[in-house]
Amino acid sequence: RDGATGYGIAVDAAANAYVTGMSGLDFPTTPGAPNTSGMDFASKFSFGIPFETFRSRLHVDRDDDAFRLEAVFTPGQGGSIEPSTQPVTLSIGDYAVTIPAGSLRRREDGYVFRGVINGTALELFLRDVDHRSERYVLMAEARNAKLTSATNPVAVTLSIGDNTGTTDVDVRRIQAPRLW
């Protein structure tokens, strides 16, 4: 911003950035900080914890606005997930859906969600394949998902709590997935 001078920046293990400086104007600060106009400031910016690995395959049926996604990921250093208590957001191009925290149900073989969100019928299954390495497999199928920008390559983003990953994938064509 105009009139602001940065003195320093640091990043912690959770990928939060801390910026210090002086400003002659109001500057965004950590919530609860006093008005810092014309004073020294310290701001915290959170960007999430990136996945260590994230790979996916995407199959799309444009006629039925349907997709099937298969993904494998490993949370990044300092990251951990708890699907039964954290929101799960899935984005494919400009389409995005968030499964609210507490909506994934624990089963013996993993976590599952089946339901309709904003008119999209969605089934999602998530499981930890190797408890030692915390490598996860995610499978998601949906109908009535408006995938207007699903052209090659398409960005696929998965966020679980503060953990997130994005990968570009080539779209494969399929017939509409069979949902429950």
Protein backbone atom coordinates (compact mmCIF):
# COMPACT_ATOMS: atom_id res chain seq x y z
CA ARG A 1 0.00 0.00 0.00
CA ASP A 2 1.03 3.60 -0.46
CA GLY A 3 2.93 4.95 2.50
CA ALA A 4 3.84 1.55 3.95
CA THR A 5 7.40 0.41 4.49
CA GLY A 6 8.15 -3.24 5.16
CA TYR A 7 10.89 -4.12 7.64
CA GLY A 8 10.77 -7.87 7.63
CA ILE A 9 8.98 -11.05 6.66
CA ALA A 10 9.10 -14.52 8.18
CA VAL A 11 7.32 -17.80 7.44
CA ASP A 12 6.51 -20.39 10.12
CA ALA A 13 6.23 -24.19 9.80
CA ALA A 14 2.48 -23.90 9.07
CA ALA A 15 3.18 -21.65 6.02
CA ASN A 16 1.89 -18.49 7.72
CA ALA A 17 3.66 -15.30 6.63
CA TYR A 18 4.43 -12.55 9.17
CA VAL A 19 5.12 -9.04 7.86
CA THR A 20 6.40 -6.14 9.95
CA GLY A 21 6.79 -2.52 8.99
CA MET A 22 5.53 1.03 9.38
CA SER A 23 2.55 2.63 7.71
CA GLY A 24 1.15 6.13 7.34
CA LEU A 25 -2.17 4.55 6.32
CA ASP A 26 -4.38 1.82 7.71
CA PHE A 27 -2.70 -1.50 6.92
CA PRO A 28 -4.25 -4.99 7.19
CA THR A 29 -3.25 -6.47 10.52
CA THR A 30 -3.97 -9.61 12.45
CA PRO A 31 -7.57 -9.48 13.75
CA GLY A 32 -7.76 -7.78 17.15
CA ALA A 33 -4.65 -5.65 16.61
CA PRO A 34 -4.98 -1.95 17.47
CA ASN A 35 -5.31 0.70 14.76
CA THR A 36 -1.84 0.94 13.23
CA SER A 37 -2.20 4.08 11.11
CA GLY A 38 1.12 5.93 11.33
CA MET A 39 2.57 3.23 13.57
CA ASP A 40 4.58 0.08 13.42
CA PHE A 41 2.55 -2.94 12.37
CA ALA A 42 2.75 -6.71 12.36
CA SER A 43 0.46 -8.72 10.07
CA LYS A 44 -0.11 -12.45 9.76
CA PHE A 45 -1.20 -13.97 6.44
CA SER A 46 -2.33 -17.60 6.27
CA PHE A 47 -2.13 -19.46 2.98
CA GLY A 48 -2.68 -23.04 4.05
CA ILE A 49 -0.35 -26.00 4.15
CA PRO A 50 0.48 -27.32 0.66
CA PHE A 51 0.30 -31.05 -0.02
CA GLU A 52 3.64 -32.76 -0.36
CA THR A 53 2.28 -34.75 -3.32
CA PHE A 54 -0.97 -34.49 -5.28
CA ARG A 55 -1.88 -36.42 -8.45
CA SER A 56 -5.29 -36.92 -10.00
CA ARG A 57 -7.27 -38.24 -12.97
CA LEU A 58 -10.44 -36.54 -14.11
CA HIS A 59 -13.18 -38.07 -16.25
CA VAL A 60 -15.99 -35.81 -17.51
CA ASP A 61 -19.36 -36.37 -19.23
CA ARG A 62 -20.32 -32.91 -20.53
CA ASP A 63 -23.80 -34.06 -21.62
CA ASP A 64 -24.81 -34.84 -18.03
CA ASP A 65 -22.57 -32.27 -16.32
CA ALA A 66 -20.95 -35.21 -14.53
CA PHE A 67 -17.44 -36.05 -13.42
CA ARG A 68 -15.42 -38.75 -11.70
CA LEU A 69 -12.19 -37.78 -9.96
CA GLU A 70 -9.52 -40.11 -8.59
CA ALA A 71 -6.70 -38.52 -6.61
CA VAL A 72 -3.77 -39.49 -4.41
CA PHE A 73 -2.17 -36.99 -2.02
CA THR A 74 0.11 -36.67 0.98
CA PRO A 75 -0.30 -33.75 3.42
CA GLY A 76 2.71 -31.43 3.61
CA GLN A 77 5.12 -31.09 6.50
CA GLY A 78 3.23 -29.98 9.60
CA GLY A 79 -0.10 -30.77 7.96
CA SER A 80 -2.64 -33.32 9.05
CA ILE A 81 -6.24 -33.91 8.13
CA GLU A 82 -9.30 -34.96 10.06
CA PRO A 83 -12.07 -35.34 7.44
CA SER A 84 -14.84 -35.86 9.98
CA THR A 85 -14.27 -32.42 11.57
CA GLN A 86 -12.85 -30.28 8.73
CA PRO A 87 -14.50 -28.85 5.61
CA VAL A 88 -13.52 -30.42 2.28
CA THR A 89 -13.45 -28.18 -0.81
CA LEU A 90 -13.05 -29.56 -4.31
CA SER A 91 -12.52 -27.27 -7.30
CA ILE A 92 -12.37 -28.31 -10.94
CA GLY A 93 -11.69 -25.33 -13.16
CA ASP A 94 -14.27 -22.71 -12.16
CA TYR A 95 -16.57 -25.27 -10.48
CA ALA A 96 -16.22 -25.57 -6.70
CA VAL A 97 -18.10 -27.39 -3.96
CA THR A 98 -17.49 -27.36 -0.21
CA ILE A 99 -18.61 -30.23 1.98
CA PRO A 100 -19.18 -28.66 5.40
CA ALA A 101 -17.17 -29.76 8.44
CA GLY A 102 -18.78 -32.76 10.12
CA SER A 103 -20.44 -34.04 6.92
CA LEU A 104 -18.01 -36.86 6.11
CA ARG A 105 -18.90 -40.02 8.02
CA ARG A 106 -16.26 -42.42 9.30
CA ARG A 107 -16.54 -46.01 8.11
CA GLU A 108 -14.24 -48.94 8.71
CA ASP A 109 -12.53 -48.39 5.34
CA GLY A 110 -12.44 -44.56 5.29
CA TYR A 111 -14.69 -41.50 5.17
CA VAL A 112 -17.74 -41.05 2.96
CA PHE A 113 -20.13 -38.29 1.92
CA ARG A 114 -23.29 -38.82 -0.14
CA GLY A 115 -25.65 -35.94 -0.70
CA VAL A 116 -26.71 -32.96 -2.73
CA ILE A 117 -24.97 -29.59 -2.38
CA ASN A 118 -26.21 -26.59 -4.39
CA GLY A 119 -28.03 -28.94 -6.79
CA THR A 120 -25.00 -31.18 -7.39
CA ALA A 121 -25.40 -34.85 -6.43
CA LEU A 122 -22.03 -35.77 -4.94
CA GLU A 123 -20.46 -38.93 -3.62
CA LEU A 124 -16.98 -38.68 -2.09
CA PHE A 125 -14.85 -41.40 -0.53
CA LEU A 126 -11.53 -40.73 1.24
CA ARG A 127 -9.18 -43.22 2.85
CA ASP A 128 -5.69 -43.36 4.28
CA VAL A 129 -3.82 -46.05 2.32
CA ASP A 130 -0.76 -46.20 4.50
CA HIS A 131 -0.99 -44.95 8.08
CA ARG A 132 2.79 -44.59 8.30
CA SER A 133 3.16 -42.20 5.34
CA GLU A 134 -0.31 -40.60 5.58
CA ARG A 135 -0.94 -41.11 1.87
CA TYR A 136 -4.62 -40.66 1.00
CA VAL A 137 -6.84 -41.74 -1.88
CA LEU A 138 -9.87 -39.67 -2.81
CA MET A 139 -12.63 -40.71 -5.20
CA ALA A 140 -15.44 -38.31 -6.07
CA GLU A 141 -18.37 -38.60 -8.47
CA ALA A 142 -20.93 -35.92 -9.25
CA ARG A 143 -23.91 -35.13 -11.44
CA ASN A 144 -25.32 -31.68 -12.26
CA ALA A 145 -21.89 -30.13 -11.74
CA LYS A 146 -21.56 -27.20 -14.13
CA LEU A 147 -18.05 -27.74 -15.49
CA THR A 148 -17.93 -24.79 -17.88
CA SER A 149 -14.14 -24.48 -17.94
CA ALA A 150 -13.14 -28.14 -18.01
CA THR A 151 -10.79 -27.84 -20.99
CA ASN A 152 -7.31 -29.34 -21.11
CA PRO A 153 -5.49 -28.91 -18.90
CA VAL A 154 -7.88 -28.14 -16.05
CA ALA A 155 -6.79 -27.13 -12.55
CA VAL A 156 -8.01 -29.47 -9.81
CA THR A 157 -7.74 -28.19 -6.24
CA LEU A 158 -8.49 -30.12 -3.07
CA SER A 159 -8.55 -28.50 0.38
CA ILE A 160 -9.17 -30.30 3.67
CA GLY A 161 -9.02 -27.94 6.61
CA ASP A 162 -5.82 -25.86 6.15
CA ASN A 163 -4.24 -28.46 3.84
CA THR A 164 -4.44 -27.88 0.11
CA GLY A 165 -3.11 -29.02 -3.23
CA THR A 166 -3.57 -28.06 -6.87
CA THR A 167 -2.63 -30.02 -9.96
CA ASP A 168 -3.32 -29.61 -13.67
CA VAL A 169 -4.87 -32.66 -15.35
CA ASP A 170 -6.06 -33.61 -18.81
CA VAL A 171 -9.79 -34.29 -18.97
CA ARG A 172 -10.86 -37.73 -20.13
CA ARG A 173 -14.33 -38.29 -21.55
CA ILE A 174 -16.71 -40.81 -19.95
CA GLN A 175 -20.35 -41.65 -19.68
CA ALA A 176 -22.03 -40.21 -16.61
CA PRO A 177 -20.96 -41.94 -13.39
CA ARG A 178 -23.44 -44.10 -11.54
CA LEU A 179 -24.24 -42.47 -8.22
CA TRP A 180 -25.62 -44.56 -5.39
